[in-house]
Amino acid sequence: MPASRAAASTSGLSLPSGAGTTNHLSGELFQSATGTKFIHIPYKGSGPGLIDLMGGQIDMLNADFPVLLPLVKAGKVKALALYGAERSPLLPDVPTTAELGLPDVVMENWYGVFLPAGTPAAVHDKLEKALFAVVALPAVKERFATQGMHGTLGSAAFKARLAKEFPYWQSTIAKLGIKAE
C-alpha cells in the first residue's frame, strides 16, 4: 500500500513476509520502476511490522490492503499509494501507483480455492456452486466489500488468469533478480 516517488532512497521498507511474497514483489517492482533503493526488512507477519512502523523503527511498511485499512481509517498510519490500476472506494483520496506514473507497478492480491488434480468433475462443480452460493450471501458480500475485496471468478476465468499471471511473474521475478531463500 505505501509507495511514493518521494520515498527516501535508503529507508527501511518493511515487507512483512519473506522473499517472493506479494509484499516483497511489489516493493521490488516499486524500487525498479523508480530507481530508489530500500533495505528489505522481512518480518514474520504484518503484526510485528506494523508495531515497528507505528513505533518509528521503520519508515515504511508494504502490506496487504485489508491489514492496513483499519489503521489508515483510524489515522494511525498514512497510505501514500495503492499498488493498483484503480482507486479503492474505501480510500478514495489515495492515488494508485498507475496514477503516480508507475503503470507497471501493480500488485493486486487475489485469493483462490484449489482442488487436487484429478478431482472428479461432479465434485468440482458441486464445490464451485456451493462457494458461489456463500459468496453471494449478503453478509459475505458486505464483509468482502469492507475489506476491499471484489470480483469473484468462476473456475474457467480463474484458470485463464493463472495462465496469464504465472509466465508474467516468472519473467518479472527473474528480471528483478529475486531468489528463493
Protein backbone atom coordinates (compact mmCIF):
# COMPACT_ATOMS: atom_id res chain seq x y z
CA MET A 1 0.00 0.00 0.00
CA PRO A 2 2.60 2.63 0.84
CA ALA A 3 4.55 3.85 -2.14
CA SER A 4 5.68 7.25 -3.29
CA ARG A 5 8.21 8.85 -5.60
CA ALA A 6 9.24 10.93 -2.61
CA ALA A 7 10.41 7.91 -0.62
CA ALA A 8 13.87 8.21 0.89
CA SER A 9 16.42 6.23 -1.07
CA THR A 10 17.84 4.35 1.93
CA SER A 11 14.72 3.95 4.04
CA GLY A 12 13.93 0.68 5.71
CA LEU A 13 10.97 -0.77 3.88
CA SER A 14 9.26 -3.49 5.84
CA LEU A 15 7.95 -6.30 3.73
CA PRO A 16 6.06 -8.36 6.30
CA SER A 17 6.90 -11.70 4.77
CA GLY A 18 9.80 -13.40 3.09
CA ALA A 19 11.20 -13.38 -0.42
CA GLY A 20 8.75 -13.93 -3.23
CA THR A 21 5.60 -12.85 -1.42
CA THR A 22 3.28 -10.24 -2.90
CA ASN A 23 4.57 -7.66 -0.43
CA HIS A 24 8.17 -8.36 -1.42
CA LEU A 25 7.45 -8.41 -5.16
CA SER A 26 5.51 -5.14 -5.12
CA GLY A 27 8.30 -3.46 -3.16
CA GLU A 28 10.87 -4.70 -5.66
CA LEU A 29 8.70 -3.54 -8.57
CA PHE A 30 8.50 -0.10 -6.99
CA GLN A 31 12.25 0.11 -6.48
CA SER A 32 12.94 -0.98 -10.04
CA ALA A 33 10.46 1.46 -11.57
CA THR A 34 11.57 4.46 -9.51
CA GLY A 35 15.30 3.82 -9.20
CA THR A 36 15.05 4.01 -5.42
CA LYS A 37 16.69 1.54 -3.07
CA PHE A 38 15.22 0.28 0.18
CA ILE A 39 16.57 -2.02 2.82
CA HIS A 40 14.40 -5.14 2.81
CA ILE A 41 13.43 -5.96 6.38
CA PRO A 42 11.41 -9.19 6.35
CA TYR A 43 9.03 -9.75 9.26
CA LYS A 44 7.19 -12.85 10.39
CA GLY A 45 3.81 -11.40 9.50
CA SER A 46 2.28 -7.95 9.32
CA GLY A 47 1.76 -7.54 13.09
CA PRO A 48 5.43 -7.08 14.03
CA GLY A 49 5.96 -4.82 11.01
CA LEU A 50 3.00 -2.66 11.99
CA ILE A 51 4.29 -2.35 15.54
CA ASP A 52 7.67 -1.16 14.26
CA LEU A 53 6.06 1.24 11.77
CA MET A 54 3.85 2.85 14.42
CA GLY A 55 6.80 2.85 16.86
CA GLY A 56 9.05 4.66 14.39
CA GLN A 57 11.59 1.84 13.99
CA ILE A 58 10.93 1.64 10.23
CA ASP A 59 9.98 4.32 7.74
CA MET A 60 7.52 2.47 5.54
CA LEU A 61 5.50 -0.72 5.50
CA ASN A 62 4.32 -2.56 2.43
CA ALA A 63 1.38 -4.76 3.42
CA ASP A 64 -1.99 -6.01 2.28
CA PHE A 65 -4.94 -3.66 1.96
CA PRO A 66 -7.22 -5.45 4.48
CA VAL A 67 -4.42 -5.37 7.07
CA LEU A 68 -3.71 -1.66 6.72
CA LEU A 69 -7.22 -0.33 6.02
CA PRO A 70 -8.40 -0.11 9.66
CA LEU A 71 -5.17 1.63 10.69
CA VAL A 72 -5.41 4.12 7.82
CA LYS A 73 -9.03 4.89 8.68
CA ALA A 74 -8.08 5.34 12.36
CA GLY A 75 -5.28 7.76 11.40
CA LYS A 76 -2.56 5.53 12.86
CA VAL A 77 -0.74 5.12 9.53
CA LYS A 78 -0.80 7.12 6.32
CA ALA A 79 -1.43 5.47 2.97
CA LEU A 80 0.65 7.00 0.21
CA ALA A 81 -0.47 4.87 -2.74
CA LEU A 82 -2.23 1.67 -3.68
CA TYR A 83 -0.46 -0.83 -5.90
CA GLY A 84 -3.43 -0.96 -8.22
CA ALA A 85 -4.86 0.11 -11.53
CA GLU A 86 -7.82 1.89 -9.96
CA ARG A 87 -8.60 3.62 -6.67
CA SER A 88 -10.45 1.88 -3.91
CA PRO A 89 -13.85 3.28 -2.92
CA LEU A 90 -12.74 2.61 0.68
CA LEU A 91 -9.84 5.09 0.35
CA PRO A 92 -10.93 7.37 -2.50
CA ASP A 93 -8.29 10.02 -1.76
CA VAL A 94 -5.35 7.60 -2.04
CA PRO A 95 -3.88 7.51 -5.56
CA THR A 96 -2.76 4.37 -7.30
CA THR A 97 0.76 3.65 -8.47
CA ALA A 98 -0.62 3.81 -12.02
CA GLU A 99 -1.91 7.36 -11.37
CA LEU A 100 1.50 8.32 -10.00
CA GLY A 101 3.12 7.42 -13.31
CA LEU A 102 4.02 3.83 -12.45
CA PRO A 103 1.60 1.75 -14.57
CA ASP A 104 3.75 -1.38 -14.31
CA VAL A 105 3.86 -1.26 -10.51
CA VAL A 106 0.62 -3.08 -9.87
CA MET A 107 0.17 -5.88 -7.36
CA GLU A 108 -3.41 -6.69 -6.67
CA ASN A 109 -3.95 -9.58 -4.30
CA TRP A 110 -6.35 -12.33 -5.13
CA TYR A 111 -7.45 -15.38 -3.24
CA GLY A 112 -8.27 -18.71 -4.82
CA VAL A 113 -9.61 -22.12 -3.94
CA PHE A 114 -7.71 -25.08 -5.35
CA LEU A 115 -8.57 -28.76 -5.51
CA PRO A 116 -6.26 -31.72 -6.02
CA ALA A 117 -5.56 -32.62 -9.65
CA GLY A 118 -7.89 -35.36 -10.76
CA THR A 119 -10.83 -34.29 -8.61
CA PRO A 120 -13.95 -35.64 -10.33
CA ALA A 121 -15.87 -33.02 -12.33
CA ALA A 122 -19.05 -33.66 -10.31
CA VAL A 123 -17.23 -32.88 -7.04
CA HIS A 124 -15.57 -29.81 -8.57
CA ASP A 125 -18.90 -28.49 -9.86
CA LYS A 126 -20.68 -29.11 -6.56
CA LEU A 127 -17.97 -27.29 -4.57
CA GLU A 128 -17.85 -24.37 -7.01
CA LYS A 129 -21.63 -23.99 -6.86
CA ALA A 130 -21.52 -24.05 -3.03
CA LEU A 131 -18.72 -21.47 -2.94
CA PHE A 132 -20.63 -19.12 -5.25
CA ALA A 133 -23.72 -19.52 -3.07
CA VAL A 134 -21.73 -18.50 0.01
CA VAL A 135 -20.06 -15.56 -1.74
CA ALA A 136 -23.50 -14.35 -2.87
CA LEU A 137 -24.81 -14.16 0.71
CA PRO A 138 -25.39 -10.50 1.65
CA ALA A 139 -23.33 -10.80 4.86
CA VAL A 140 -20.38 -12.29 2.94
CA LYS A 141 -20.63 -9.74 0.12
CA GLU A 142 -20.67 -6.93 2.68
CA ARG A 143 -17.71 -8.36 4.59
CA PHE A 144 -15.69 -8.72 1.40
CA ALA A 145 -16.57 -5.16 0.36
CA THR A 146 -15.45 -3.74 3.72
CA GLN A 147 -12.07 -5.44 3.18
CA GLY A 148 -11.69 -4.06 -0.34
CA MET A 149 -12.26 -7.46 -1.93
CA HIS A 150 -14.24 -7.77 -5.16
CA GLY A 151 -14.58 -9.73 -8.37
CA THR A 152 -15.35 -13.43 -7.88
CA LEU A 153 -14.27 -15.58 -10.83
CA GLY A 154 -15.52 -18.99 -11.89
CA SER A 155 -13.04 -21.81 -12.40
CA ALA A 156 -12.58 -21.20 -16.16
CA ALA A 157 -11.85 -17.48 -15.69
CA PHE A 158 -9.59 -18.21 -12.71
CA LYS A 159 -7.68 -20.79 -14.73
CA ALA A 160 -7.23 -18.22 -17.54
CA ARG A 161 -5.97 -15.66 -15.03
CA LEU A 162 -3.41 -18.10 -13.65
CA ALA A 163 -2.29 -19.00 -17.19
CA LYS A 164 -1.61 -15.30 -17.79
CA GLU A 165 -0.07 -14.46 -14.41
CA PHE A 166 2.35 -17.37 -13.96
CA PRO A 167 4.51 -16.53 -17.01
CA TYR A 168 4.36 -12.80 -16.19
CA TRP A 169 5.57 -13.29 -12.63
CA GLN A 170 8.20 -15.85 -13.62
CA SER A 171 9.80 -13.37 -16.03
CA THR A 172 9.33 -10.40 -13.67
CA ILE A 173 10.93 -12.26 -10.75
CA ALA A 174 13.87 -13.23 -12.97
CA LYS A 175 14.20 -9.63 -14.24
CA LEU A 176 14.21 -8.28 -10.68
CA GLY A 177 16.79 -10.84 -9.60
CA ILE A 178 14.68 -12.22 -6.75
CA LYS A 179 15.93 -15.55 -5.44
CA ALA A 180 14.18 -18.03 -3.15
CA GLU A 181 15.55 -18.10 0.38
